[in-house]
């Protein structure tokens, strides 16, 4: 039997990969997406392609990391509160910052109607088919669908049977291909367009945690690759193979060289950085161009500002708000335990 990969207490490589993903998505948006949206504005003379592929890395990491919450979950409200405290405070502040920069910078191209802004506070605008305050927020709709589906799995068959559930989940993706008129909200809620990439992370978590062997997971990896090969473009099959390779070498310890302070720090602030980088950076590059400043300076200013804002948001909002909300929730749910901790 193929041995189980030895589990380490923590995979710091995940944080490093998050940092790489966040930084390269930012490079893609500033070098490629900016020029696509504003073709008449001067821009840096290169195009960092493949931003969507780096988002697939985030989805695979989410598939891996979701079990850190599910494996110790006691109730559905606990899960909802855990996700809300993690996502919403930083998102609300980032959204207000983005709106402020857009309006102060008179970036009318980036602005959305007031009713859409109100809907954005729920983080459910994607399910309402309304525009997001920042175009990068589309991935949050995907993550919410993933969380909802995983909560349903936890409450139903359970994460211990995730491999069998994945076969059914992939079958529903095949159904979507055969049923072009499947309601869009069903496809969104079940993350059918991206389930193979979440599944890659889930299968590797089961190996890393010692619950399954590599050999036992091979048929499920084959099902994922077959699904992507038959239903998606060849470049996504290549991306799936690369993700499997990345997670394979990570579990064997071959990516430890990535665990350097800059990458780990970027990984720690990656969510906040992702929230504030795109439209704010676009406004900075537009304004520097209007002032006659060369594109490289505007490009560098956008990167430095986004990283500074991401770090500040993480330090002042994301982490303290999450801790405060979790303490409040635990105190509300277990008042005696909270009194003991406070004492």
C-alpha atoms as a PDB file:
ATOM      1  CA  UNK A   1       0.000   0.000   0.000  1.00  0.00           C
ATOM      2  CA  UNK A   2       1.257   3.472  -0.810  1.00  0.00           C
ATOM      3  CA  UNK A   3       2.323   5.139   2.458  1.00  0.00           C
ATOM      4  CA  UNK A   4       0.466   8.111   3.838  1.00  0.00           C
ATOM      5  CA  UNK A   5       2.398  11.358   3.550  1.00  0.00           C
ATOM      6  CA  UNK A   6       3.641  12.334   7.008  1.00  0.00           C
ATOM      7  CA  UNK A   7       1.611  15.186   8.440  1.00  0.00           C
ATOM      8  CA  UNK A   8       3.381  18.263   9.738  1.00  0.00           C
ATOM      9  CA  UNK A   9       1.800  20.506  12.414  1.00  0.00           C
ATOM     10  CA  UNK A  10       1.361  23.370   9.958  1.00  0.00           C
ATOM     11  CA  UNK A  11       1.929  23.909   6.276  1.00  0.00           C
ATOM     12  CA  UNK A  12       3.557  27.307   6.119  1.00  0.00           C
ATOM     13  CA  UNK A  13       3.904  26.714   2.385  1.00  0.00           C
ATOM     14  CA  UNK A  14       0.175  27.434   2.047  1.00  0.00           C
ATOM     15  CA  UNK A  15       0.772  30.961   3.316  1.00  0.00           C
ATOM     16  CA  UNK A  16       3.684  31.390   0.919  1.00  0.00           C
ATOM     17  CA  UNK A  17       1.543  30.189  -1.997  1.00  0.00           C
ATOM     18  CA  UNK A  18      -1.198  32.617  -0.974  1.00  0.00           C
ATOM     19  CA  UNK A  19       1.368  35.414  -1.002  1.00  0.00           C
ATOM     20  CA  UNK A  20       2.642  34.432  -4.451  1.00  0.00           C
ATOM     21  CA  UNK A  21      -0.921  34.158  -5.732  1.00  0.00           C
ATOM     22  CA  UNK A  22      -1.986  37.551  -4.380  1.00  0.00           C
ATOM     23  CA  UNK A  23       1.096  39.328  -5.739  1.00  0.00           C
ATOM     24  CA  UNK A  24       0.895  37.766  -9.196  1.00  0.00           C
ATOM     25  CA  UNK A  25      -2.842  38.478  -9.486  1.00  0.00           C
ATOM     26  CA  UNK A  26      -2.010  42.093  -8.690  1.00  0.00           C
ATOM     27  CA  UNK A  27       0.676  42.109 -11.401  1.00  0.00           C
ATOM     28  CA  UNK A  28      -1.825  40.665 -13.872  1.00  0.00           C
ATOM     29  CA  UNK A  29      -4.424  43.310 -13.091  1.00  0.00           C
ATOM     30  CA  UNK A  30      -1.973  46.220 -13.273  1.00  0.00           C
ATOM     31  CA  UNK A  31      -0.111  45.118 -16.406  1.00  0.00           C
ATOM     32  CA  UNK A  32      -2.856  43.382 -18.408  1.00  0.00           C
ATOM     33  CA  UNK A  33      -6.331  44.090 -17.097  1.00  0.00           C
ATOM     34  CA  UNK A  34      -5.655  47.835 -16.730  1.00  0.00           C
ATOM     35  CA  UNK A  35      -4.720  48.132 -20.401  1.00  0.00           C
ATOM     36  CA  UNK A  36      -7.797  46.104 -21.431  1.00  0.00           C
ATOM     37  CA  UNK A  37     -10.101  48.456 -19.526  1.00  0.00           C
ATOM     38  CA  UNK A  38      -8.283  51.715 -20.357  1.00  0.00           C
ATOM     39  CA  UNK A  39      -6.582  51.190 -23.730  1.00  0.00           C
ATOM     40  CA  UNK A  40      -5.954  54.911 -24.300  1.00  0.00           C
ATOM     41  CA  UNK A  41      -4.073  55.411 -21.012  1.00  0.00           C
ATOM     42  CA  UNK A  42      -0.304  54.927 -21.079  1.00  0.00           C
ATOM     43  CA  UNK A  43       0.739  51.672 -19.419  1.00  0.00           C
ATOM     44  CA  UNK A  44       3.781  49.521 -18.707  1.00  0.00           C
ATOM     45  CA  UNK A  45       5.101  47.777 -21.841  1.00  0.00           C
ATOM     46  CA  UNK A  46       4.525  44.198 -20.720  1.00  0.00           C
ATOM     47  CA  UNK A  47       1.594  41.921 -20.018  1.00  0.00           C
ATOM     48  CA  UNK A  48       1.692  39.510 -17.081  1.00  0.00           C
ATOM     49  CA  UNK A  49      -0.754  36.903 -18.323  1.00  0.00           C
ATOM     50  CA  UNK A  50      -2.578  34.141 -16.536  1.00  0.00           C
ATOM     51  CA  UNK A  51      -4.345  35.942 -13.701  1.00  0.00           C
ATOM     52  CA  UNK A  52      -7.251  33.525 -13.823  1.00  0.00           C
ATOM     53  CA  UNK A  53      -4.916  30.577 -13.320  1.00  0.00           C
ATOM     54  CA  UNK A  54      -3.607  32.071 -10.089  1.00  0.00           C
ATOM     55  CA  UNK A  55      -7.201  32.380  -8.877  1.00  0.00           C
ATOM     56  CA  UNK A  56      -7.498  28.615  -9.401  1.00  0.00           C
ATOM     57  CA  UNK A  57      -4.600  28.242  -6.975  1.00  0.00           C
ATOM     58  CA  UNK A  58      -6.636  30.152  -4.378  1.00  0.00           C
ATOM     59  CA  UNK A  59      -9.577  27.802  -4.965  1.00  0.00           C
ATOM     60  CA  UNK A  60      -7.371  24.733  -4.463  1.00  0.00           C
ATOM     61  CA  UNK A  61      -5.956  26.244  -1.254  1.00  0.00           C
ATOM     62  CA  UNK A  62      -9.520  26.922  -0.056  1.00  0.00           C
ATOM     63  CA  UNK A  63     -10.420  23.289  -0.730  1.00  0.00           C
ATOM     64  CA  UNK A  64      -7.473  22.212   1.407  1.00  0.00           C
ATOM     65  CA  UNK A  65      -7.941  24.760   4.193  1.00  0.00           C
ATOM     66  CA  UNK A  66     -11.720  24.398   4.657  1.00  0.00           C
ATOM     67  CA  UNK A  67     -11.143  21.204   6.644  1.00  0.00           C
ATOM     68  CA  UNK A  68      -9.237  23.086   9.335  1.00  0.00           C
ATOM     69  CA  UNK A  69     -12.657  24.536  10.200  1.00  0.00           C
ATOM     70  CA  UNK A  70     -14.915  21.587   9.359  1.00  0.00           C
ATOM     71  CA  UNK A  71     -12.918  18.990  11.292  1.00  0.00           C
ATOM     72  CA  UNK A  72     -13.593  20.794  14.576  1.00  0.00           C
ATOM     73  CA  UNK A  73     -17.002  22.236  13.733  1.00  0.00           C
ATOM     74  CA  UNK A  74     -19.783  21.858  16.312  1.00  0.00           C
ATOM     75  CA  UNK A  75     -22.726  23.570  14.622  1.00  0.00           C
ATOM     76  CA  UNK A  76     -23.785  25.328  11.419  1.00  0.00           C
ATOM     77  CA  UNK A  77     -24.116  28.736  13.171  1.00  0.00           C
ATOM     78  CA  UNK A  78     -20.504  28.364  14.356  1.00  0.00           C
ATOM     79  CA  UNK A  79     -19.383  27.862  10.770  1.00  0.00           C
ATOM     80  CA  UNK A  80     -21.376  30.833   9.500  1.00  0.00           C
ATOM     81  CA  UNK A  81     -19.963  33.050  12.231  1.00  0.00           C
ATOM     82  CA  UNK A  82     -16.439  31.798  11.576  1.00  0.00           C
ATOM     83  CA  UNK A  83     -16.677  32.688   7.893  1.00  0.00           C
ATOM     84  CA  UNK A  84     -18.469  35.998   8.519  1.00  0.00           C
ATOM     85  CA  UNK A  85     -15.897  37.173  11.072  1.00  0.00           C
ATOM     86  CA  UNK A  86     -13.119  36.198   8.692  1.00  0.00           C
ATOM     87  CA  UNK A  87     -14.518  37.842   5.573  1.00  0.00           C
ATOM     88  CA  UNK A  88     -16.931  40.669   6.262  1.00  0.00           C
ATOM     89  CA  UNK A  89     -15.195  43.344   8.406  1.00  0.00           C
ATOM     90  CA  UNK A  90     -12.190  43.718   6.104  1.00  0.00           C
ATOM     91  CA  UNK A  91     -14.470  43.498   3.059  1.00  0.00           C
ATOM     92  CA  UNK A  92     -16.736  46.315   4.261  1.00  0.00           C
ATOM     93  CA  UNK A  93     -13.808  48.629   5.008  1.00  0.00           C
ATOM     94  CA  UNK A  94     -12.068  47.757   1.727  1.00  0.00           C
ATOM     95  CA  UNK A  95     -15.279  48.424  -0.171  1.00  0.00           C
ATOM     96  CA  UNK A  96     -15.653  51.862   1.418  1.00  0.00           C
ATOM     97  CA  UNK A  97     -12.001  52.678   0.713  1.00  0.00           C
ATOM     98  CA  UNK A  98     -12.427  51.629  -2.919  1.00  0.00           C
ATOM     99  CA  UNK A  99     -15.591  53.690  -3.326  1.00  0.00           C
ATOM    100  CA  UNK A 100     -13.909  56.702  -1.756  1.00  0.00           C
ATOM    101  CA  UNK A 101     -10.896  56.496  -4.058  1.00  0.00           C
ATOM    102  CA  UNK A 102     -13.131  56.028  -7.119  1.00  0.00           C
ATOM    103  CA  UNK A 103     -15.279  59.058  -6.318  1.00  0.00           C
ATOM    104  CA  UNK A 104     -12.423  61.307  -5.215  1.00  0.00           C
ATOM    105  CA  UNK A 105     -10.546  60.314  -8.351  1.00  0.00           C
ATOM    106  CA  UNK A 106     -13.609  60.873 -10.558  1.00  0.00           C
ATOM    107  CA  UNK A 107     -13.177  57.352 -11.953  1.00  0.00           C
ATOM    108  CA  UNK A 108     -16.686  57.171 -13.406  1.00  0.00           C
ATOM    109  CA  UNK A 109     -15.838  54.117 -15.506  1.00  0.00           C
ATOM    110  CA  UNK A 110     -15.331  52.099 -12.329  1.00  0.00           C
ATOM    111  CA  UNK A 111     -18.396  53.321 -10.446  1.00  0.00           C
ATOM    112  CA  UNK A 112     -21.597  51.290 -10.063  1.00  0.00           C
ATOM    113  CA  UNK A 113     -25.227  52.328  -9.293  1.00  0.00           C
ATOM    114  CA  UNK A 114     -26.225  53.069  -5.662  1.00  0.00           C
ATOM    115  CA  UNK A 115     -28.551  50.050  -5.411  1.00  0.00           C
ATOM    116  CA  UNK A 116     -25.720  47.778  -6.486  1.00  0.00           C
ATOM    117  CA  UNK A 117     -23.488  49.345  -3.831  1.00  0.00           C
ATOM    118  CA  UNK A 118     -26.090  48.584  -1.163  1.00  0.00           C
ATOM    119  CA  UNK A 119     -26.331  44.980  -2.388  1.00  0.00           C
ATOM    120  CA  UNK A 120     -22.539  44.705  -2.174  1.00  0.00           C
ATOM    121  CA  UNK A 121     -22.655  45.084   1.606  1.00  0.00           C
ATOM    122  CA  UNK A 122     -24.237  41.625   1.764  1.00  0.00           C
ATOM    123  CA  UNK A 123     -21.408  40.129  -0.348  1.00  0.00           C
ATOM    124  CA  UNK A 124     -24.197  38.410  -2.293  1.00  0.00           C
ATOM    125  CA  UNK A 125     -24.290  40.777  -5.265  1.00  0.00           C
ATOM    126  CA  UNK A 126     -23.066  38.049  -7.590  1.00  0.00           C
ATOM    127  CA  UNK A 127     -26.080  35.877  -6.816  1.00  0.00           C
ATOM    128  CA  UNK A 128     -28.290  38.890  -7.542  1.00  0.00           C
ATOM    129  CA  UNK A 129     -26.507  39.438 -10.875  1.00  0.00           C
ATOM    130  CA  UNK A 130     -25.427  42.922  -9.824  1.00  0.00           C
ATOM    131  CA  UNK A 131     -21.989  44.477 -10.441  1.00  0.00           C
ATOM    132  CA  UNK A 132     -19.392  44.417  -7.677  1.00  0.00           C
ATOM    133  CA  UNK A 133     -17.738  47.505  -6.227  1.00  0.00           C
ATOM    134  CA  UNK A 134     -14.423  46.029  -7.374  1.00  0.00           C
ATOM    135  CA  UNK A 135     -14.168  43.593 -10.256  1.00  0.00           C
ATOM    136  CA  UNK A 136     -11.887  41.332  -8.235  1.00  0.00           C
ATOM    137  CA  UNK A 137     -14.736  40.544  -5.854  1.00  0.00           C
ATOM    138  CA  UNK A 138     -16.237  37.984  -8.267  1.00  0.00           C
ATOM    139  CA  UNK A 139     -14.153  35.307  -6.551  1.00  0.00           C
ATOM    140  CA  UNK A 140     -15.921  36.028  -3.255  1.00  0.00           C
ATOM    141  CA  UNK A 141     -19.185  34.872  -4.839  1.00  0.00           C
ATOM    142  CA  UNK A 142     -17.451  31.622  -5.764  1.00  0.00           C
ATOM    143  CA  UNK A 143     -16.081  31.208  -2.227  1.00  0.00           C
ATOM    144  CA  UNK A 144     -19.508  31.791  -0.670  1.00  0.00           C
ATOM    145  CA  UNK A 145     -21.024  29.129  -2.914  1.00  0.00           C
ATOM    146  CA  UNK A 146     -18.221  26.771  -1.900  1.00  0.00           C
ATOM    147  CA  UNK A 147     -18.770  27.453   1.807  1.00  0.00           C
ATOM    148  CA  UNK A 148     -22.525  26.878   1.476  1.00  0.00           C
ATOM    149  CA  UNK A 149     -21.978  23.578  -0.328  1.00  0.00           C
ATOM    150  CA  UNK A 150     -19.372  22.379   2.169  1.00  0.00           C
ATOM    151  CA  UNK A 151     -21.668  23.242   5.069  1.00  0.00           C
ATOM    152  CA  UNK A 152     -24.397  21.154   3.433  1.00  0.00           C
ATOM    153  CA  UNK A 153     -21.921  18.272   3.036  1.00  0.00           C
ATOM    154  CA  UNK A 154     -20.887  18.574   6.693  1.00  0.00           C
ATOM    155  CA  UNK A 155     -24.532  18.500   7.788  1.00  0.00           C
ATOM    156  CA  UNK A 156     -25.354  15.609   5.428  1.00  0.00           C
ATOM    157  CA  UNK A 157     -22.946  12.844   4.403  1.00  0.00           C
ATOM    158  CA  UNK A 158     -20.035  14.449   6.263  1.00  0.00           C
ATOM    159  CA  UNK A 159     -16.516  15.369   5.228  1.00  0.00           C
ATOM    160  CA  UNK A 160     -15.285  11.842   6.024  1.00  0.00           C
ATOM    161  CA  UNK A 161     -17.088  10.709   2.868  1.00  0.00           C
ATOM    162  CA  UNK A 162     -15.875  13.586   0.748  1.00  0.00           C
ATOM    163  CA  UNK A 163     -14.453  11.344  -1.987  1.00  0.00           C
ATOM    164  CA  UNK A 164     -17.839   9.764  -2.695  1.00  0.00           C
ATOM    165  CA  UNK A 165     -19.472  13.189  -2.548  1.00  0.00           C
ATOM    166  CA  UNK A 166     -16.910  14.524  -5.039  1.00  0.00           C
ATOM    167  CA  UNK A 167     -17.895  11.898  -7.605  1.00  0.00           C
ATOM    168  CA  UNK A 168     -21.508  13.020  -7.337  1.00  0.00           C
ATOM    169  CA  UNK A 169     -20.404  16.677  -7.410  1.00  0.00           C
ATOM    170  CA  UNK A 170     -18.408  16.119 -10.600  1.00  0.00           C
ATOM    171  CA  UNK A 171     -21.394  14.275 -12.076  1.00  0.00           C
ATOM    172  CA  UNK A 172     -23.522  17.376 -11.523  1.00  0.00           C
ATOM    173  CA  UNK A 173     -20.903  19.359 -13.440  1.00  0.00           C
ATOM    174  CA  UNK A 174     -21.335  16.892 -16.306  1.00  0.00           C
ATOM    175  CA  UNK A 175     -25.085  17.422 -16.011  1.00  0.00           C
ATOM    176  CA  UNK A 176     -24.538  21.164 -16.388  1.00  0.00           C
ATOM    177  CA  UNK A 177     -22.672  20.510 -19.651  1.00  0.00           C
ATOM    178  CA  UNK A 178     -25.563  18.375 -20.914  1.00  0.00           C
ATOM    179  CA  UNK A 179     -28.209  20.813 -19.673  1.00  0.00           C
ATOM    180  CA  UNK A 180     -27.345  24.276 -21.038  1.00  0.00           C
ATOM    181  CA  UNK A 181     -30.481  25.735 -19.449  1.00  0.00           C
ATOM    182  CA  UNK A 182     -29.540  24.768 -15.905  1.00  0.00           C
ATOM    183  CA  UNK A 183     -30.442  27.770 -13.705  1.00  0.00           C
ATOM    184  CA  UNK A 184     -27.357  29.927 -13.292  1.00  0.00           C
ATOM    185  CA  UNK A 185     -27.806  30.308  -9.546  1.00  0.00           C
ATOM    186  CA  UNK A 186     -27.638  26.526  -9.096  1.00  0.00           C
ATOM    187  CA  UNK A 187     -24.361  26.432 -11.004  1.00  0.00           C
ATOM    188  CA  UNK A 188     -23.049  29.326  -8.901  1.00  0.00           C
ATOM    189  CA  UNK A 189     -24.166  27.903  -5.555  1.00  0.00           C
ATOM    190  CA  UNK A 190     -22.610  24.511  -6.321  1.00  0.00           C
ATOM    191  CA  UNK A 191     -19.487  26.176  -7.821  1.00  0.00           C
ATOM    192  CA  UNK A 192     -19.816  23.808 -10.773  1.00  0.00           C
ATOM    193  CA  UNK A 193     -17.394  25.757 -12.959  1.00  0.00           C
ATOM    194  CA  UNK A 194     -14.608  25.456 -10.397  1.00  0.00           C
ATOM    195  CA  UNK A 195     -15.369  22.311  -8.391  1.00  0.00           C
ATOM    196  CA  UNK A 196     -12.423  20.323  -9.880  1.00  0.00           C
ATOM    197  CA  UNK A 197      -9.968  22.870  -8.495  1.00  0.00           C
ATOM    198  CA  UNK A 198     -11.497  22.965  -5.029  1.00  0.00           C
ATOM    199  CA  UNK A 199     -11.531  19.158  -5.156  1.00  0.00           C
ATOM    200  CA  UNK A 200      -7.777  18.996  -5.778  1.00  0.00           C
ATOM    201  CA  UNK A 201      -7.157  20.770  -2.490  1.00  0.00           C
ATOM    202  CA  UNK A 202      -9.680  18.589  -0.648  1.00  0.00           C
ATOM    203  CA  UNK A 203      -8.119  15.332  -1.822  1.00  0.00           C
ATOM    204  CA  UNK A 204      -4.665  16.494  -0.799  1.00  0.00           C
ATOM    205  CA  UNK A 205      -5.878  17.524   2.650  1.00  0.00           C
ATOM    206  CA  UNK A 206      -7.135  13.984   3.206  1.00  0.00           C
ATOM    207  CA  UNK A 207      -3.680  12.676   2.294  1.00  0.00           C
ATOM    208  CA  UNK A 208      -1.868  15.215   4.457  1.00  0.00           C
ATOM    209  CA  UNK A 209      -4.119  14.556   7.461  1.00  0.00           C
ATOM    210  CA  UNK A 210      -3.452  10.826   7.264  1.00  0.00           C
ATOM    211  CA  UNK A 211      -7.059   9.921   6.517  1.00  0.00           C
ATOM    212  CA  UNK A 212      -6.323   8.529   3.035  1.00  0.00           C
ATOM    213  CA  UNK A 213      -3.328   7.159   1.159  1.00  0.00           C
ATOM    214  CA  UNK A 214      -2.035   8.538  -2.108  1.00  0.00           C
ATOM    215  CA  UNK A 215      -3.028   5.335  -3.869  1.00  0.00           C
ATOM    216  CA  UNK A 216      -6.573   5.511  -2.515  1.00  0.00           C
ATOM    217  CA  UNK A 217      -6.958   9.015  -3.939  1.00  0.00           C
ATOM    218  CA  UNK A 218      -5.675   8.230  -7.434  1.00  0.00           C
ATOM    219  CA  UNK A 219      -9.093   7.267  -8.904  1.00  0.00           C
ATOM    220  CA  UNK A 220     -10.522  10.576  -7.700  1.00  0.00           C
ATOM    221  CA  UNK A 221      -7.664  12.592  -9.185  1.00  0.00           C
ATOM    222  CA  UNK A 222      -8.283  10.708 -12.426  1.00  0.00           C
ATOM    223  CA  UNK A 223     -11.988  11.641 -12.271  1.00  0.00           C
ATOM    224  CA  UNK A 224     -11.050  15.295 -11.789  1.00  0.00           C
ATOM    225  CA  UNK A 225      -8.636  15.319 -14.720  1.00  0.00           C
ATOM    226  CA  UNK A 226     -11.090  13.466 -16.947  1.00  0.00           C
ATOM    227  CA  UNK A 227     -13.803  15.995 -16.109  1.00  0.00           C
ATOM    228  CA  UNK A 228     -11.565  18.962 -16.871  1.00  0.00           C
ATOM    229  CA  UNK A 229     -10.222  17.320 -20.043  1.00  0.00           C
ATOM    230  CA  UNK A 230     -13.689  16.639 -21.421  1.00  0.00           C
ATOM    231  CA  UNK A 231     -15.549  19.751 -20.290  1.00  0.00           C
ATOM    232  CA  UNK A 232     -12.964  22.555 -20.255  1.00  0.00           C
ATOM    233  CA  UNK A 233     -10.358  24.053 -22.536  1.00  0.00           C
ATOM    234  CA  UNK A 234      -6.890  22.447 -22.696  1.00  0.00           C
ATOM    235  CA  UNK A 235      -5.281  25.282 -20.750  1.00  0.00           C
ATOM    236  CA  UNK A 236      -7.439  24.463 -17.706  1.00  0.00           C
ATOM    237  CA  UNK A 237      -6.394  20.820 -17.896  1.00  0.00           C
ATOM    238  CA  UNK A 238      -2.794  22.009 -17.865  1.00  0.00           C
ATOM    239  CA  UNK A 239      -3.600  24.215 -14.853  1.00  0.00           C
ATOM    240  CA  UNK A 240      -5.163  21.256 -13.020  1.00  0.00           C
ATOM    241  CA  UNK A 241      -2.076  19.111 -13.673  1.00  0.00           C
ATOM    242  CA  UNK A 242       0.200  21.900 -12.436  1.00  0.00           C
ATOM    243  CA  UNK A 243      -1.877  22.302  -9.254  1.00  0.00           C
ATOM    244  CA  UNK A 244      -1.705  18.571  -8.549  1.00  0.00           C
ATOM    245  CA  UNK A 245       2.064  18.723  -9.045  1.00  0.00           C
ATOM    246  CA  UNK A 246       2.391  21.743  -6.724  1.00  0.00           C
ATOM    247  CA  UNK A 247       0.420  20.099  -3.921  1.00  0.00           C
ATOM    248  CA  UNK A 248       2.268  16.807  -4.402  1.00  0.00           C
ATOM    249  CA  UNK A 249       5.687  18.358  -3.933  1.00  0.00           C
ATOM    250  CA  UNK A 250       4.389  20.564  -1.113  1.00  0.00           C
ATOM    251  CA  UNK A 251       3.227  17.553   0.902  1.00  0.00           C
ATOM    252  CA  UNK A 252       6.642  16.003   0.463  1.00  0.00           C
ATOM    253  CA  UNK A 253       8.340  19.100   1.844  1.00  0.00           C
ATOM    254  CA  UNK A 254       9.920  20.256  -1.404  1.00  0.00           C
ATOM    255  CA  UNK A 255       8.402  23.752  -1.232  1.00  0.00           C
ATOM    256  CA  UNK A 256       9.836  24.693   2.133  1.00  0.00           C
ATOM    257  CA  UNK A 257      12.257  26.996   0.356  1.00  0.00           C
ATOM    258  CA  UNK A 258       9.256  29.282  -0.267  1.00  0.00           C
ATOM    259  CA  UNK A 259       8.815  29.855   3.475  1.00  0.00           C
ATOM    260  CA  UNK A 260      10.735  33.099   3.598  1.00  0.00           C
ATOM    261  CA  UNK A 261       9.497  36.120   5.513  1.00  0.00           C
ATOM    262  CA  UNK A 262       8.417  38.306   2.578  1.00  0.00           C
ATOM    263  CA  UNK A 263       6.244  35.580   1.058  1.00  0.00           C
ATOM    264  CA  UNK A 264       4.825  34.481   4.409  1.00  0.00           C
ATOM    265  CA  UNK A 265       4.012  38.099   5.222  1.00  0.00           C
ATOM    266  CA  UNK A 266       2.308  38.584   1.863  1.00  0.00           C
ATOM    267  CA  UNK A 267       0.366  35.401   2.524  1.00  0.00           C
ATOM    268  CA  UNK A 268      -0.752  36.707   5.906  1.00  0.00           C
ATOM    269  CA  UNK A 269      -2.146  39.907   4.362  1.00  0.00           C
ATOM    270  CA  UNK A 270      -3.274  38.291   1.093  1.00  0.00           C
ATOM    271  CA  UNK A 271      -7.020  38.605   1.715  1.00  0.00           C
ATOM    272  CA  UNK A 272      -6.839  42.294   2.601  1.00  0.00           C
ATOM    273  CA  UNK A 273      -4.411  42.928  -0.255  1.00  0.00           C
ATOM    274  CA  UNK A 274      -6.756  41.203  -2.690  1.00  0.00           C
ATOM    275  CA  UNK A 275      -9.671  43.342  -1.499  1.00  0.00           C
ATOM    276  CA  UNK A 276      -7.993  46.718  -1.990  1.00  0.00           C
ATOM    277  CA  UNK A 277      -5.601  46.286  -4.877  1.00  0.00           C
ATOM    278  CA  UNK A 278      -7.499  46.396  -8.189  1.00  0.00           C
ATOM    279  CA  UNK A 279      -9.626  49.529  -8.570  1.00  0.00           C
ATOM    280  CA  UNK A 280      -7.538  51.610  -6.178  1.00  0.00           C
ATOM    281  CA  UNK A 281      -4.454  50.703  -8.191  1.00  0.00           C
ATOM    282  CA  UNK A 282      -6.251  51.545 -11.428  1.00  0.00           C
ATOM    283  CA  UNK A 283      -7.150  55.015 -10.144  1.00  0.00           C
ATOM    284  CA  UNK A 284      -3.544  55.630  -9.083  1.00  0.00           C
ATOM    285  CA  UNK A 285      -2.231  54.642 -12.509  1.00  0.00           C
ATOM    286  CA  UNK A 286      -4.832  56.778 -14.288  1.00  0.00           C
ATOM    287  CA  UNK A 287      -4.044  59.838 -12.170  1.00  0.00           C
ATOM    288  CA  UNK A 288      -0.283  59.505 -12.535  1.00  0.00           C
ATOM    289  CA  UNK A 289      -0.760  59.201 -16.305  1.00  0.00           C
ATOM    290  CA  UNK A 290      -2.888  62.385 -16.324  1.00  0.00           C
ATOM    291  CA  UNK A 291      -0.040  64.183 -14.536  1.00  0.00           C
ATOM    292  CA  UNK A 292       2.404  63.096 -17.223  1.00  0.00           C
ATOM    293  CA  UNK A 293       4.256  60.704 -14.919  1.00  0.00           C
ATOM    294  CA  UNK A 294       5.800  57.726 -16.701  1.00  0.00           C
ATOM    295  CA  UNK A 295       3.844  54.422 -16.527  1.00  0.00           C
ATOM    296  CA  UNK A 296       6.535  52.577 -14.575  1.00  0.00           C
ATOM    297  CA  UNK A 297       6.288  55.082 -11.739  1.00  0.00           C
ATOM    298  CA  UNK A 298       2.504  54.813 -11.694  1.00  0.00           C
ATOM    299  CA  UNK A 299       2.791  51.024 -11.787  1.00  0.00           C
ATOM    300  CA  UNK A 300       5.212  51.004  -8.830  1.00  0.00           C
ATOM    301  CA  UNK A 301       3.086  53.526  -6.919  1.00  0.00           C
ATOM    302  CA  UNK A 302       0.013  51.332  -7.362  1.00  0.00           C
ATOM    303  CA  UNK A 303       1.848  48.235  -6.096  1.00  0.00           C
ATOM    304  CA  UNK A 304       3.331  49.995  -3.070  1.00  0.00           C
ATOM    305  CA  UNK A 305       0.024  51.659  -2.177  1.00  0.00           C
ATOM    306  CA  UNK A 306      -1.918  48.392  -2.479  1.00  0.00           C
ATOM    307  CA  UNK A 307       0.572  46.534  -0.280  1.00  0.00           C
ATOM    308  CA  UNK A 308       0.565  49.346   2.286  1.00  0.00           C
ATOM    309  CA  UNK A 309      -3.242  49.476   2.355  1.00  0.00           C
ATOM    310  CA  UNK A 310      -3.485  45.669   2.506  1.00  0.00           C
ATOM    311  CA  UNK A 311      -1.085  45.496   5.434  1.00  0.00           C
ATOM    312  CA  UNK A 312      -2.881  48.305   7.273  1.00  0.00           C
ATOM    313  CA  UNK A 313      -6.291  46.753   6.677  1.00  0.00           C
ATOM    314  CA  UNK A 314      -5.042  43.382   7.884  1.00  0.00           C
ATOM    315  CA  UNK A 315      -3.441  44.870  11.003  1.00  0.00           C
ATOM    316  CA  UNK A 316      -6.181  47.311  12.006  1.00  0.00           C
ATOM    317  CA  UNK A 317      -9.351  45.591  10.796  1.00  0.00           C
ATOM    318  CA  UNK A 318      -9.118  42.028   9.537  1.00  0.00           C
ATOM    319  CA  UNK A 319      -7.301  40.356  12.432  1.00  0.00           C
ATOM    320  CA  UNK A 320      -8.635  42.367  15.405  1.00  0.00           C
ATOM    321  CA  UNK A 321     -12.223  42.253  14.116  1.00  0.00           C
ATOM    322  CA  UNK A 322     -12.039  38.507  13.608  1.00  0.00           C
ATOM    323  CA  UNK A 323     -10.663  37.966  17.115  1.00  0.00           C
ATOM    324  CA  UNK A 324     -13.247  40.270  18.684  1.00  0.00           C
ATOM    325  CA  UNK A 325     -16.174  38.682  16.878  1.00  0.00           C
ATOM    326  CA  UNK A 326     -15.014  35.171  17.709  1.00  0.00           C
ATOM    327  CA  UNK A 327     -14.653  36.094  21.397  1.00  0.00           C
ATOM    328  CA  UNK A 328     -18.124  37.615  21.367  1.00  0.00           C
ATOM    329  CA  UNK A 329     -19.584  34.536  19.696  1.00  0.00           C
ATOM    330  CA  UNK A 330     -17.910  32.126  22.100  1.00  0.00           C
ATOM    331  CA  UNK A 331     -19.036  34.220  25.053  1.00  0.00           C
ATOM    332  CA  UNK A 332     -22.587  34.236  23.721  1.00  0.00           C
ATOM    333  CA  UNK A 333     -22.623  30.508  23.051  1.00  0.00           C
ATOM    334  CA  UNK A 334     -20.590  29.408  26.085  1.00  0.00           C
ATOM    335  CA  UNK A 335     -20.808  32.149  28.741  1.00  0.00           C
ATOM    336  CA  UNK A 336     -19.205  30.068  31.492  1.00  0.00           C
ATOM    337  CA  UNK A 337     -16.235  29.179  29.306  1.00  0.00           C
ATOM    338  CA  UNK A 338     -15.817  32.841  28.332  1.00  0.00           C
ATOM    339  CA  UNK A 339     -15.856  33.896  32.010  1.00  0.00           C
ATOM    340  CA  UNK A 340     -13.134  31.345  32.750  1.00  0.00           C
ATOM    341  CA  UNK A 341     -10.988  32.576  29.880  1.00  0.00           C
ATOM    342  CA  UNK A 342     -11.458  36.230  30.898  1.00  0.00           C
ATOM    343  CA  UNK A 343     -10.499  35.375  34.455  1.00  0.00           C
END
